[in-house]
């Protein structure tokens, strides 16, 4: 199945995160304020198909052009290009779900620098253990990419485990 979307947004009094010119522990101090006007437009394309029983494959691409009219710069940390690949396996009989995702983020801008492109790999496995209760284990950002320029917001590789209850 193919799905596409086009968008155009014209924002008035956009709330933006701007640098104050001060630093704390090597990271810029930011504050929220209204900017004059901003625009963004782009396209999203996604293609999903069932490869065989229980197996799904999906690919996606998104292009976003954004501009804060006051500064002429793109929105903070929003990449122009983003692409994804997703592989999913689901066994209703066993109650098992496996999901693997690879995401490409193109270069992103801050007020000070251009951040390099990044590849993010995520994996998740879920096993039903009783009627509506399942246990899951997930790992995000397996390549431990530095996604943010701040020491305070750099999550790196993360692991999660828990239970899902579905009614």
Foldseek 3Di string as FASTA:
>chain_A
DKDKDKDKDKDAQDWAWAFPPDDDPRHTDTDIGTAGIKMKIWMKMKDKDAPDVQKIKMKIKIAMAMARVVVRDGGALAARIKMKIKIWGADPVFQKIKIKMKMWGCWGDDPVDIRHIDIKIKIKMWGADDDQKIKMKIKIRVVQDQRDPDPVPGPGIDIDIDMDGDD
